[in-house]
PDB file of N, CA and C in Angstrom:
ATOM      1  N   MET A   1      -3.650-107.125-141.056  1.00  0.00           N
ATOM      2  CA  MET A   1      -4.673-106.968-140.054  1.00  0.00           C
ATOM      3  C   MET A   1      -4.726-108.272-139.257  1.00  0.00           C
ATOM      4  N   ILE A   2      -4.637-108.160-137.952  1.00  0.00           N
ATOM      5  CA  ILE A   2      -4.589-109.345-137.109  1.00  0.00           C
ATOM      6  C   ILE A   2      -5.912-109.509-136.368  1.00  0.00           C
ATOM      7  N   SER A   3      -6.462-110.689-136.418  1.00  0.00           N
ATOM      8  CA  SER A   3      -7.671-111.003-135.674  1.00  0.00           C
ATOM      9  C   SER A   3      -7.271-111.301-134.228  1.00  0.00           C
ATOM     10  N   TRP A   4      -7.863-110.566-133.287  1.00  0.00           N
ATOM     11  CA  TRP A   4      -7.571-110.822-131.879  1.00  0.00           C
ATOM     12  C   TRP A   4      -7.982-112.231-131.485  1.00  0.00           C
ATOM     13  N   THR A   5      -9.080-112.702-132.016  1.00  0.00           N
ATOM     14  CA  THR A   5      -9.540-114.050-131.691  1.00  0.00           C
ATOM     15  C   THR A   5      -8.495-115.074-132.109  1.00  0.00           C
ATOM     16  N   LYS A   6      -7.978-114.946-133.337  1.00  0.00           N
ATOM     17  CA  LYS A   6      -6.969-115.897-133.804  1.00  0.00           C
ATOM     18  C   LYS A   6      -5.686-115.761-132.990  1.00  0.00           C
ATOM     19  N   LEU A   7      -5.302-114.529-132.704  1.00  0.00           N
ATOM     20  CA  LEU A   7      -4.069-114.291-131.968  1.00  0.00           C
ATOM     21  C   LEU A   7      -4.119-114.914-130.573  1.00  0.00           C
ATOM     22  N   LEU A   8      -5.248-114.766-129.889  1.00  0.00           N
ATOM     23  CA  LEU A   8      -5.352-115.229-128.510  1.00  0.00           C
ATOM     24  C   LEU A   8      -5.744-116.693-128.371  1.00  0.00           C
ATOM     25  N   THR A   9      -6.527-117.204-129.320  1.00  0.00           N
ATOM     26  CA  THR A   9      -7.050-118.556-129.152  1.00  0.00           C
ATOM     27  C   THR A   9      -6.683-119.508-130.280  1.00  0.00           C
ATOM     28  N   ASP A  10      -6.154-118.980-131.374  1.00  0.00           N
ATOM     29  CA  ASP A  10      -5.841-119.739-132.579  1.00  0.00           C
ATOM     30  C   ASP A  10      -7.103-120.306-133.248  1.00  0.00           C
ATOM     31  N   TYR A  11      -8.279-119.799-132.845  1.00  0.00           N
ATOM     32  CA  TYR A  11      -9.551-120.190-133.460  1.00  0.00           C
ATOM     33  C   TYR A  11      -9.637-119.551-134.843  1.00  0.00           C
ATOM     34  N   VAL A  12      -9.986-120.320-135.845  1.00  0.00           N
ATOM     35  CA  VAL A  12     -10.078-119.835-137.223  1.00  0.00           C
ATOM     36  C   VAL A  12     -11.528-119.469-137.522  1.00  0.00           C
ATOM     37  N   GLN A  13     -11.743-118.198-137.934  1.00  0.00           N
ATOM     38  CA  GLN A  13     -13.067-117.727-138.297  1.00  0.00           C
ATOM     39  C   GLN A  13     -13.224-117.808-139.810  1.00  0.00           C
ATOM     40  N   ASP A  14     -14.469-117.708-140.271  1.00  0.00           N
ATOM     41  CA  ASP A  14     -14.746-117.810-141.706  1.00  0.00           C
ATOM     42  C   ASP A  14     -13.959-116.803-142.536  1.00  0.00           C
ATOM     43  N   ASN A  15     -13.853-115.550-142.079  1.00  0.00           N
ATOM     44  CA  ASN A  15     -13.166-114.529-142.867  1.00  0.00           C
ATOM     45  C   ASN A  15     -11.652-114.517-142.689  1.00  0.00           C
ATOM     46  N   ASP A  16     -11.099-115.410-141.894  1.00  0.00           N
ATOM     47  CA  ASP A  16      -9.652-115.462-141.718  1.00  0.00           C
ATOM     48  C   ASP A  16      -8.915-115.795-143.010  1.00  0.00           C
ATOM     49  N   SER A  17      -9.598-116.432-143.948  1.00  0.00           N
ATOM     50  CA  SER A  17      -8.945-116.742-145.220  1.00  0.00           C
ATOM     51  C   SER A  17      -8.562-115.460-145.965  1.00  0.00           C
ATOM     52  N   LEU A  18      -9.234-114.350-145.654  1.00  0.00           N
ATOM     53  CA  LEU A  18      -8.869-113.068-146.261  1.00  0.00           C
ATOM     54  C   LEU A  18      -7.636-112.456-145.602  1.00  0.00           C
ATOM     55  N   ARG A  19      -7.356-112.843-144.360  1.00  0.00           N
ATOM     56  CA  ARG A  19      -6.260-112.247-143.607  1.00  0.00           C
ATOM     57  C   ARG A  19      -4.950-113.042-143.678  1.00  0.00           C
ATOM     58  N   TYR A  20      -5.053-114.346-143.706  1.00  0.00           N
ATOM     59  CA  TYR A  20      -3.876-115.192-143.552  1.00  0.00           C
ATOM     60  C   TYR A  20      -3.729-116.123-144.753  1.00  0.00           C
ATOM     61  N   ALA A  21      -2.518-116.483-145.022  1.00  0.00           N
ATOM     62  CA  ALA A  21      -2.251-117.388-146.133  1.00  0.00           C
ATOM     63  C   ALA A  21      -1.416-118.558-145.638  1.00  0.00           C
ATOM     64  N   ASP A  22      -1.521-119.668-146.361  1.00  0.00           N
ATOM     65  CA  ASP A  22      -0.717-120.842-146.015  1.00  0.00           C
ATOM     66  C   ASP A  22       0.754-120.614-146.350  1.00  0.00           C
ATOM     67  N   ASN A  23       1.008-119.761-147.327  1.00  0.00           N
ATOM     68  CA  ASN A  23       2.363-119.513-147.790  1.00  0.00           C
ATOM     69  C   ASN A  23       2.746-118.069-147.463  1.00  0.00           C
ATOM     70  N   PRO A  24       3.790-117.842-146.659  1.00  0.00           N
ATOM     71  CA  PRO A  24       4.144-116.479-146.266  1.00  0.00           C
ATOM     72  C   PRO A  24       4.644-115.602-147.416  1.00  0.00           C
ATOM     73  N   THR A  25       4.939-116.180-148.574  1.00  0.00           N
ATOM     74  CA  THR A  25       5.416-115.375-149.707  1.00  0.00           C
ATOM     75  C   THR A  25       4.297-115.009-150.665  1.00  0.00           C
ATOM     76  N   CYS A  26       3.064-115.302-150.298  1.00  0.00           N
ATOM     77  CA  CYS A  26       1.943-115.064-151.207  1.00  0.00           C
ATOM     78  C   CYS A  26       1.538-113.590-151.235  1.00  0.00           C
ATOM     79  N   ILE A  27       0.616-113.260-152.113  1.00  0.00           N
ATOM     80  CA  ILE A  27       0.084-111.919-152.272  1.00  0.00           C
ATOM     81  C   ILE A  27      -0.693-111.526-151.009  1.00  0.00           C
ATOM     82  N   PRO A  28      -0.597-110.254-150.578  1.00  0.00           N
ATOM     83  CA  PRO A  28      -1.376-109.834-149.407  1.00  0.00           C
ATOM     84  C   PRO A  28      -2.866-110.049-149.640  1.00  0.00           C
ATOM     85  N   LYS A  29      -3.566-110.411-148.598  1.00  0.00           N
ATOM     86  CA  LYS A  29      -5.001-110.655-148.704  1.00  0.00           C
ATOM     87  C   LYS A  29      -5.804-109.365-148.511  1.00  0.00           C
ATOM     88  N   ILE A  30      -5.263-108.435-147.732  1.00  0.00           N
ATOM     89  CA  ILE A  30      -5.931-107.153-147.511  1.00  0.00           C
ATOM     90  C   ILE A  30      -4.877-106.060-147.609  1.00  0.00           C
ATOM     91  N   VAL A  31      -5.168-105.032-148.404  1.00  0.00           N
ATOM     92  CA  VAL A  31      -4.316-103.853-148.447  1.00  0.00           C
ATOM     93  C   VAL A  31      -5.087-102.724-147.782  1.00  0.00           C
ATOM     94  N   VAL A  32      -4.461-102.097-146.778  1.00  0.00           N
ATOM     95  CA  VAL A  32      -5.048-100.940-146.108  1.00  0.00           C
ATOM     96  C   VAL A  32      -4.328 -99.716-146.657  1.00  0.00           C
ATOM     97  N   TRP A  33      -5.096 -98.825-147.276  1.00  0.00           N
ATOM     98  CA  TRP A  33      -4.521 -97.654-147.927  1.00  0.00           C
ATOM     99  C   TRP A  33      -5.024 -96.390-147.238  1.00  0.00           C
ATOM    100  N   ASN A  34      -4.099 -95.634-146.672  1.00  0.00           N
ATOM    101  CA  ASN A  34      -4.434 -94.331-146.109  1.00  0.00           C
ATOM    102  C   ASN A  34      -4.568 -93.360-147.276  1.00  0.00           C
ATOM    103  N   THR A  35      -5.771 -93.227-147.776  1.00  0.00           N
ATOM    104  CA  THR A  35      -6.033 -92.477-149.006  1.00  0.00           C
ATOM    105  C   THR A  35      -5.859 -90.978-148.842  1.00  0.00           C
ATOM    106  N   THR A  36      -5.970 -90.492-147.622  1.00  0.00           N
ATOM    107  CA  THR A  36      -5.839 -89.061-147.360  1.00  0.00           C
ATOM    108  C   THR A  36      -5.403 -88.852-145.918  1.00  0.00           C
ATOM    109  N   SER A  37      -4.744 -87.738-145.666  1.00  0.00           N
ATOM    110  CA  SER A  37      -4.409 -87.384-144.283  1.00  0.00           C
ATOM    111  C   SER A  37      -5.434 -86.398-143.729  1.00  0.00           C
ATOM    112  N   HIS A  38      -6.353 -85.975-144.569  1.00  0.00           N
ATOM    113  CA  HIS A  38      -7.398 -85.030-144.192  1.00  0.00           C
ATOM    114  C   HIS A  38      -8.408 -85.726-143.281  1.00  0.00           C
ATOM    115  N   CYS A  39      -8.719 -85.095-142.139  1.00  0.00           N
ATOM    116  CA  CYS A  39      -9.696 -85.684-141.226  1.00  0.00           C
ATOM    117  C   CYS A  39     -10.386 -84.585-140.424  1.00  0.00           C
ATOM    118  N   ASN A  40     -11.657 -84.783-140.164  1.00  0.00           N
ATOM    119  CA  ASN A  40     -12.439 -83.835-139.381  1.00  0.00           C
ATOM    120  C   ASN A  40     -12.965 -84.440-138.085  1.00  0.00           C
ATOM    121  N   LEU A  41     -12.429 -85.594-137.673  1.00  0.00           N
ATOM    122  CA  LEU A  41     -13.003 -86.306-136.529  1.00  0.00           C
ATOM    123  C   LEU A  41     -12.230 -86.114-135.220  1.00  0.00           C
ATOM    124  N   GLY A  42     -10.931 -86.310-135.199  1.00  0.00           N
ATOM    125  CA  GLY A  42     -10.151 -86.187-133.974  1.00  0.00           C
ATOM    126  C   GLY A  42     -10.405 -87.298-132.971  1.00  0.00           C
ATOM    127  N   CYS A  43     -10.515 -88.533-133.443  1.00  0.00           N
ATOM    128  CA  CYS A  43     -10.769 -89.681-132.562  1.00  0.00           C
ATOM    129  C   CYS A  43      -9.594 -89.888-131.603  1.00  0.00           C
ATOM    130  N   GLN A  44      -9.888 -90.174-130.340  1.00  0.00           N
ATOM    131  CA  GLN A  44      -8.848 -90.365-129.334  1.00  0.00           C
ATOM    132  C   GLN A  44      -7.991 -91.595-129.615  1.00  0.00           C
ATOM    133  N   HIS A  45      -8.572 -92.619-130.223  1.00  0.00           N
ATOM    134  CA  HIS A  45      -7.847 -93.869-130.457  1.00  0.00           C
ATOM    135  C   HIS A  45      -6.961 -93.824-131.700  1.00  0.00           C
ATOM    136  N   CYS A  46      -7.041 -92.743-132.471  1.00  0.00           N
ATOM    137  CA  CYS A  46      -6.385 -92.704-133.775  1.00  0.00           C
ATOM    138  C   CYS A  46      -4.861 -92.591-133.653  1.00  0.00           C
ATOM    139  N   TYR A  47      -4.161 -93.376-134.446  1.00  0.00           N
ATOM    140  CA  TYR A  47      -2.706 -93.358-134.502  1.00  0.00           C
ATOM    141  C   TYR A  47      -2.204 -92.406-135.580  1.00  0.00           C
ATOM    142  N   PHE A  48      -3.077 -91.959-136.453  1.00  0.00           N
ATOM    143  CA  PHE A  48      -2.694 -91.213-137.648  1.00  0.00           C
ATOM    144  C   PHE A  48      -2.595 -89.723-137.338  1.00  0.00           C
ATOM    145  N   GLU A  49      -1.563 -89.098-137.853  1.00  0.00           N
ATOM    146  CA  GLU A  49      -1.407 -87.656-137.666  1.00  0.00           C
ATOM    147  C   GLU A  49      -2.180 -86.934-138.770  1.00  0.00           C
ATOM    148  N   ALA A  50      -3.464 -86.809-138.566  1.00  0.00           N
ATOM    149  CA  ALA A  50      -4.345 -86.217-139.566  1.00  0.00           C
ATOM    150  C   ALA A  50      -4.205 -84.699-139.584  1.00  0.00           C
ATOM    151  N   THR A  51      -4.626 -84.131-140.692  1.00  0.00           N
ATOM    152  CA  THR A  51      -4.565 -82.681-140.865  1.00  0.00           C
ATOM    153  C   THR A  51      -5.955 -82.148-141.179  1.00  0.00           C
ATOM    154  N   GLU A  52      -6.129 -80.847-140.973  1.00  0.00           N
ATOM    155  CA  GLU A  52      -7.424 -80.231-141.253  1.00  0.00           C
ATOM    156  C   GLU A  52      -7.628 -79.972-142.737  1.00  0.00           C
ATOM    157  N   LYS A  53      -6.551 -79.986-143.497  1.00  0.00           N
ATOM    158  CA  LYS A  53      -6.636 -79.728-144.929  1.00  0.00           C
ATOM    159  C   LYS A  53      -6.019 -80.891-145.696  1.00  0.00           C
ATOM    160  N   GLN A  54      -6.389 -81.010-146.949  1.00  0.00           N
ATOM    161  CA  GLN A  54      -5.857 -82.056-147.808  1.00  0.00           C
ATOM    162  C   GLN A  54      -4.365 -81.831-148.044  1.00  0.00           C
ATOM    163  N   ASP A  55      -3.589 -82.878-147.947  1.00  0.00           N
ATOM    164  CA  ASP A  55      -2.150 -82.825-148.184  1.00  0.00           C
ATOM    165  C   ASP A  55      -1.892 -82.675-149.681  1.00  0.00           C
ATOM    166  N   PRO A  56      -1.089 -81.687-150.094  1.00  0.00           N
ATOM    167  CA  PRO A  56      -0.824 -81.512-151.522  1.00  0.00           C
ATOM    168  C   PRO A  56      -0.037 -82.680-152.130  1.00  0.00           C
ATOM    169  N   LEU A  57       0.577 -83.512-151.294  1.00  0.00           N
ATOM    170  CA  LEU A  57       1.328 -84.673-151.798  1.00  0.00           C
ATOM    171  C   LEU A  57       0.461 -85.927-151.921  1.00  0.00           C
ATOM    172  N   GLU A  58      -0.817 -85.804-151.566  1.00  0.00           N
ATOM    173  CA  GLU A  58      -1.759 -86.928-151.697  1.00  0.00           C
ATOM    174  C   GLU A  58      -1.825 -87.364-153.163  1.00  0.00           C
ATOM    175  N   LEU A  59      -2.015 -88.655-153.375  1.00  0.00           N
ATOM    176  CA  LEU A  59      -2.117 -89.150-154.747  1.00  0.00           C
ATOM    177  C   LEU A  59      -3.263 -88.470-155.482  1.00  0.00           C
ATOM    178  N   THR A  60      -3.003 -88.095-156.721  1.00  0.00           N
ATOM    179  CA  THR A  60      -4.069 -87.565-157.565  1.00  0.00           C
ATOM    180  C   THR A  60      -4.998 -88.711-157.939  1.00  0.00           C
ATOM    181  N   LYS A  61      -6.114 -88.389-158.550  1.00  0.00           N
ATOM    182  CA  LYS A  61      -7.045 -89.436-158.979  1.00  0.00           C
ATOM    183  C   LYS A  61      -6.365 -90.390-159.959  1.00  0.00           C
ATOM    184  N   ASP A  62      -5.606 -89.863-160.908  1.00  0.00           N
ATOM    185  CA  ASP A  62      -4.933 -90.727-161.880  1.00  0.00           C
ATOM    186  C   ASP A  62      -3.870 -91.591-161.217  1.00  0.00           C
ATOM    187  N   GLU A  63      -3.116 -91.026-160.274  1.00  0.00           N
ATOM    188  CA  GLU A  63      -2.116 -91.807-159.549  1.00  0.00           C
ATOM    189  C   GLU A  63      -2.790 -92.885-158.710  1.00  0.00           C
ATOM    190  N   ALA A  64      -3.906 -92.544-158.094  1.00  0.00           N
ATOM    191  CA  ALA A  64      -4.656 -93.508-157.289  1.00  0.00           C
ATOM    192  C   ALA A  64      -5.161 -94.656-158.162  1.00  0.00           C
ATOM    193  N   LYS A  65      -5.649 -94.323-159.343  1.00  0.00           N
ATOM    194  CA  LYS A  65      -6.120 -95.372-160.257  1.00  0.00           C
ATOM    195  C   LYS A  65      -4.962 -96.262-160.710  1.00  0.00           C
ATOM    196  N   ASP A  66      -3.792 -95.681-160.940  1.00  0.00           N
ATOM    197  CA  ASP A  66      -2.614 -96.488-161.287  1.00  0.00           C
ATOM    198  C   ASP A  66      -2.287 -97.457-160.148  1.00  0.00           C
ATOM    199  N   PHE A  67      -2.357 -96.969-158.912  1.00  0.00           N
ATOM    200  CA  PHE A  67      -2.098 -97.803-157.737  1.00  0.00           C
ATOM    201  C   PHE A  67      -3.100 -98.956-157.671  1.00  0.00           C
ATOM    202  N   ILE A  68      -4.371 -98.642-157.851  1.00  0.00           N
ATOM    203  CA  ILE A  68      -5.418 -99.673-157.818  1.00  0.00           C
ATOM    204  C   ILE A  68      -5.230-100.659-158.967  1.00  0.00           C
ATOM    205  N   GLU A  69      -4.867-100.157-160.122  1.00  0.00           N
ATOM    206  CA  GLU A  69      -4.597-101.024-161.280  1.00  0.00           C
ATOM    207  C   GLU A  69      -3.494-102.024-160.940  1.00  0.00           C
ATOM    208  N   ASP A  70      -2.435-101.546-160.279  1.00  0.00           N
ATOM    209  CA  ASP A  70      -1.346-102.445-159.863  1.00  0.00           C
ATOM    210  C   ASP A  70      -1.845-103.496-158.876  1.00  0.00           C
ATOM    211  N   LEU A  71      -2.689-103.075-157.926  1.00  0.00           N
ATOM    212  CA  LEU A  71      -3.243-104.049-156.973  1.00  0.00           C
ATOM    213  C   LEU A  71      -4.040-105.123-157.701  1.00  0.00           C
ATOM    214  N   GLY A  72      -4.790-104.703-158.710  1.00  0.00           N
ATOM    215  CA  GLY A  72      -5.549-105.665-159.507  1.00  0.00           C
ATOM    216  C   GLY A  72      -4.644-106.653-160.220  1.00  0.00           C
ATOM    217  N   LYS A  73      -3.528-106.162-160.758  1.00  0.00           N
ATOM    218  CA  LYS A  73      -2.571-107.045-161.444  1.00  0.00           C
ATOM    219  C   LYS A  73      -1.959-108.045-160.478  1.00  0.00           C
ATOM    220  N   PHE A  74      -1.792-107.630-159.216  1.00  0.00           N
ATOM    221  CA  PHE A  74      -1.248-108.527-158.195  1.00  0.00           C
ATOM    222  C   PHE A  74      -2.318-109.447-157.609  1.00  0.00           C
ATOM    223  N   LYS A  75      -3.561-109.285-158.076  1.00  0.00           N
ATOM    224  CA  LYS A  75      -4.689-110.103-157.617  1.00  0.00           C
ATOM    225  C   LYS A  75      -4.989-109.913-156.133  1.00  0.00           C
ATOM    226  N   VAL A  76      -4.795-108.683-155.633  1.00  0.00           N
ATOM    227  CA  VAL A  76      -5.158-108.367-154.259  1.00  0.00           C
ATOM    228  C   VAL A  76      -6.684-108.390-154.168  1.00  0.00           C
ATOM    229  N   PRO A  77      -7.267-109.189-153.271  1.00  0.00           N
ATOM    230  CA  PRO A  77      -8.721-109.331-153.246  1.00  0.00           C
ATOM    231  C   PRO A  77      -9.470-108.235-152.500  1.00  0.00           C
ATOM    232  N   VAL A  78      -8.822-107.572-151.522  1.00  0.00           N
ATOM    233  CA  VAL A  78      -9.533-106.600-150.689  1.00  0.00           C
ATOM    234  C   VAL A  78      -8.688-105.344-150.506  1.00  0.00           C
ATOM    235  N   LEU A  79      -9.327-104.191-150.699  1.00  0.00           N
ATOM    236  CA  LEU A  79      -8.696-102.890-150.482  1.00  0.00           C
ATOM    237  C   LEU A  79      -9.535-102.126-149.469  1.00  0.00           C
ATOM    238  N   LEU A  80      -8.915-101.805-148.327  1.00  0.00           N
ATOM    239  CA  LEU A  80      -9.586-101.046-147.291  1.00  0.00           C
ATOM    240  C   LEU A  80      -9.143 -99.588-147.420  1.00  0.00           C
ATOM    241  N   PHE A  81     -10.094 -98.706-147.700  1.00  0.00           N
ATOM    242  CA  PHE A  81      -9.818 -97.275-147.787  1.00  0.00           C
ATOM    243  C   PHE A  81      -9.792 -96.706-146.376  1.00  0.00           C
ATOM    244  N   SER A  82      -8.639 -96.199-145.961  1.00  0.00           N
ATOM    245  CA  SER A  82      -8.499 -95.624-144.635  1.00  0.00           C
ATOM    246  C   SER A  82      -7.990 -94.204-144.772  1.00  0.00           C
ATOM    247  N   GLY A  83      -7.484 -93.652-143.691  1.00  0.00           N
ATOM    248  CA  GLY A  83      -6.982 -92.284-143.762  1.00  0.00           C
ATOM    249  C   GLY A  83      -6.344 -91.900-142.447  1.00  0.00           C
ATOM    250  N   GLY A  84      -6.495 -90.701-142.196  1.00  0.00           N
ATOM    251  CA  GLY A  84      -7.468 -89.652-142.219  1.00  0.00           C
ATOM    252  C   GLY A  84      -8.897 -90.201-142.316  1.00  0.00           C
ATOM    253  N   GLU A  85      -9.724 -89.347-142.838  1.00  0.00           N
ATOM    254  CA  GLU A  85     -11.131 -89.695-143.053  1.00  0.00           C
ATOM    255  C   GLU A  85     -11.348 -89.903-144.545  1.00  0.00           C
ATOM    256  N   PRO A  86     -11.412 -91.169-144.998  1.00  0.00           N
ATOM    257  CA  PRO A  86     -11.497 -91.450-146.431  1.00  0.00           C
ATOM    258  C   PRO A  86     -12.711 -90.828-147.113  1.00  0.00           C
ATOM    259  N   LEU A  87     -13.795 -90.628-146.372  1.00  0.00           N
ATOM    260  CA  LEU A  87     -14.989 -90.044-146.992  1.00  0.00           C
ATOM    261  C   LEU A  87     -14.795 -88.572-147.363  1.00  0.00           C
ATOM    262  N   LEU A  88     -13.723 -87.956-146.896  1.00  0.00           N
ATOM    263  CA  LEU A  88     -13.433 -86.574-147.284  1.00  0.00           C
ATOM    264  C   LEU A  88     -12.733 -86.506-148.638  1.00  0.00           C
ATOM    265  N   ARG A  89     -12.307 -87.638-149.135  1.00  0.00           N
ATOM    266  CA  ARG A  89     -11.686 -87.659-150.457  1.00  0.00           C
ATOM    267  C   ARG A  89     -12.805 -87.611-151.505  1.00  0.00           C
ATOM    268  N   GLN A  90     -12.809 -86.575-152.320  1.00  0.00           N
ATOM    269  CA  GLN A  90     -13.906 -86.311-153.259  1.00  0.00           C
ATOM    270  C   GLN A  90     -14.116 -87.433-154.274  1.00  0.00           C
ATOM    271  N   ASP A  91     -13.056 -88.148-154.628  1.00  0.00           N
ATOM    272  CA  ASP A  91     -13.158 -89.187-155.658  1.00  0.00           C
ATOM    273  C   ASP A  91     -13.243 -90.599-155.083  1.00  0.00           C
ATOM    274  N   LEU A  92     -13.529 -90.702-153.790  1.00  0.00           N
ATOM    275  CA  LEU A  92     -13.503 -92.009-153.131  1.00  0.00           C
ATOM    276  C   LEU A  92     -14.433 -93.024-153.793  1.00  0.00           C
ATOM    277  N   PHE A  93     -15.662 -92.636-154.083  1.00  0.00           N
ATOM    278  CA  PHE A  93     -16.612 -93.600-154.650  1.00  0.00           C
ATOM    279  C   PHE A  93     -16.234 -93.973-156.082  1.00  0.00           C
ATOM    280  N   GLU A  94     -15.662 -93.036-156.806  1.00  0.00           N
ATOM    281  CA  GLU A  94     -15.159 -93.350-158.148  1.00  0.00           C
ATOM    282  C   GLU A  94     -14.005 -94.347-158.061  1.00  0.00           C
ATOM    283  N   LEU A  95     -13.112 -94.141-157.090  1.00  0.00           N
ATOM    284  CA  LEU A  95     -12.003 -95.079-156.904  1.00  0.00           C
ATOM    285  C   LEU A  95     -12.513 -96.442-156.448  1.00  0.00           C
ATOM    286  N   GLY A  96     -13.550 -96.445-155.613  1.00  0.00           N
ATOM    287  CA  GLY A  96     -14.139 -97.710-155.174  1.00  0.00           C
ATOM    288  C   GLY A  96     -14.720 -98.492-156.337  1.00  0.00           C
ATOM    289  N   LYS A  97     -15.417 -97.812-157.214  1.00  0.00           N
ATOM    290  CA  LYS A  97     -15.974 -98.479-158.401  1.00  0.00           C
ATOM    291  C   LYS A  97     -14.857 -98.963-159.313  1.00  0.00           C
ATOM    292  N   PHE A  98     -13.817 -98.145-159.458  1.00  0.00           N
ATOM    293  CA  PHE A  98     -12.669 -98.515-160.279  1.00  0.00           C
ATOM    294  C   PHE A  98     -12.045 -99.810-159.751  1.00  0.00           C
ATOM    295  N   ALA A  99     -11.897 -99.902-158.430  1.00  0.00           N
ATOM    296  CA  ALA A  99     -11.350-101.115-157.820  1.00  0.00           C
ATOM    297  C   ALA A  99     -12.291-102.302-158.027  1.00  0.00           C
ATOM    298  N   LYS A 100     -13.572-102.077-157.803  1.00  0.00           N
ATOM    299  CA  LYS A 100     -14.555-103.151-157.977  1.00  0.00           C
ATOM    300  C   LYS A 100     -14.531-103.693-159.396  1.00  0.00           C
ATOM    301  N   ASP A 101     -14.399-102.802-160.374  1.00  0.00           N
ATOM    302  CA  ASP A 101     -14.350-103.225-161.774  1.00  0.00           C
ATOM    303  C   ASP A 101     -13.112-104.064-162.079  1.00  0.00           C
ATOM    304  N   ARG A 102     -12.128-104.025-161.204  1.00  0.00           N
ATOM    305  CA  ARG A 102     -10.913-104.833-161.359  1.00  0.00           C
ATOM    306  C   ARG A 102     -10.925-106.049-160.446  1.00  0.00           C
ATOM    307  N   GLY A 103     -12.094-106.356-159.885  1.00  0.00           N
ATOM    308  CA  GLY A 103     -12.241-107.560-159.065  1.00  0.00           C
ATOM    309  C   GLY A 103     -11.761-107.404-157.640  1.00  0.00           C
ATOM    310  N   ILE A 104     -11.602-106.166-157.176  1.00  0.00           N
ATOM    311  CA  ILE A 104     -11.131-105.920-155.815  1.00  0.00           C
ATOM    312  C   ILE A 104     -12.322-105.502-154.956  1.00  0.00           C
ATOM    313  N   LYS A 105     -12.531-106.217-153.855  1.00  0.00           N
ATOM    314  CA  LYS A 105     -13.572-105.850-152.912  1.00  0.00           C
ATOM    315  C   LYS A 105     -13.084-104.635-152.127  1.00  0.00           C
ATOM    316  N   THR A 106     -13.956-103.631-151.950  1.00  0.00           N
ATOM    317  CA  THR A 106     -13.566-102.435-151.218  1.00  0.00           C
ATOM    318  C   THR A 106     -14.274-102.368-149.875  1.00  0.00           C
ATOM    319  N   VAL A 107     -13.569-101.785-148.897  1.00  0.00           N
ATOM    320  CA  VAL A 107     -14.067-101.720-147.532  1.00  0.00           C
ATOM    321  C   VAL A 107     -13.748-100.344-146.960  1.00  0.00           C
ATOM    322  N   LEU A 108     -14.660 -99.822-146.141  1.00  0.00           N
ATOM    323  CA  LEU A 108     -14.414 -98.616-145.357  1.00  0.00           C
ATOM    324  C   LEU A 108     -14.348 -99.008-143.893  1.00  0.00           C
ATOM    325  N   PRO A 109     -13.434 -98.418-143.119  1.00  0.00           N
ATOM    326  CA  PRO A 109     -13.402 -98.723-141.687  1.00  0.00           C
ATOM    327  C   PRO A 109     -14.650 -98.176-141.012  1.00  0.00           C
ATOM    328  N   GLN A 110     -15.001 -98.746-139.908  1.00  0.00           N
ATOM    329  CA  GLN A 110     -16.216 -98.362-139.217  1.00  0.00           C
ATOM    330  C   GLN A 110     -16.204 -96.902-138.798  1.00  0.00           C
ATOM    331  N   THR A 111     -15.059 -96.338-138.440  1.00  0.00           N
ATOM    332  CA  THR A 111     -15.008 -94.938-138.023  1.00  0.00           C
ATOM    333  C   THR A 111     -15.393 -94.018-139.170  1.00  0.00           C
ATOM    334  N   ALA A 112     -15.208 -94.461-140.407  1.00  0.00           N
ATOM    335  CA  ALA A 112     -15.586 -93.640-141.552  1.00  0.00           C
ATOM    336  C   ALA A 112     -17.091 -93.520-141.676  1.00  0.00           C
ATOM    337  N   LEU A 113     -17.808 -94.384-140.998  1.00  0.00           N
ATOM    338  CA  LEU A 113     -19.254 -94.399-141.116  1.00  0.00           C
ATOM    339  C   LEU A 113     -19.953 -93.761-139.932  1.00  0.00           C
ATOM    340  N   LEU A 114     -19.188 -93.234-138.974  1.00  0.00           N
ATOM    341  CA  LEU A 114     -19.785 -92.612-137.784  1.00  0.00           C
ATOM    342  C   LEU A 114     -20.319 -91.236-138.095  1.00  0.00           C
TER     343      LEU A 114
END
């Protein structure tokens, strides 16, 4: 995730430490996970090819927990649940708690809250 302010002015904001690292080989600071392709919004700005129904190839709850467990082992500090519309995923809050219990801060994009 690139901060426009940093990109255009090289000004460092307080939360930039979550985005950028001094060492390019370090662990990612933010992982953005498209948890589902299911979406009911149809936003004009969206780049994602969302569907009206849940994709049968979407990670199951157990597979999702395995993925989050791996992120925890890699010490990833922030997981952004994206999509589609992440709030349409029935187990989203359970996965969020699962991530939190592993020391991972969870985030929803602003469009998920509209």
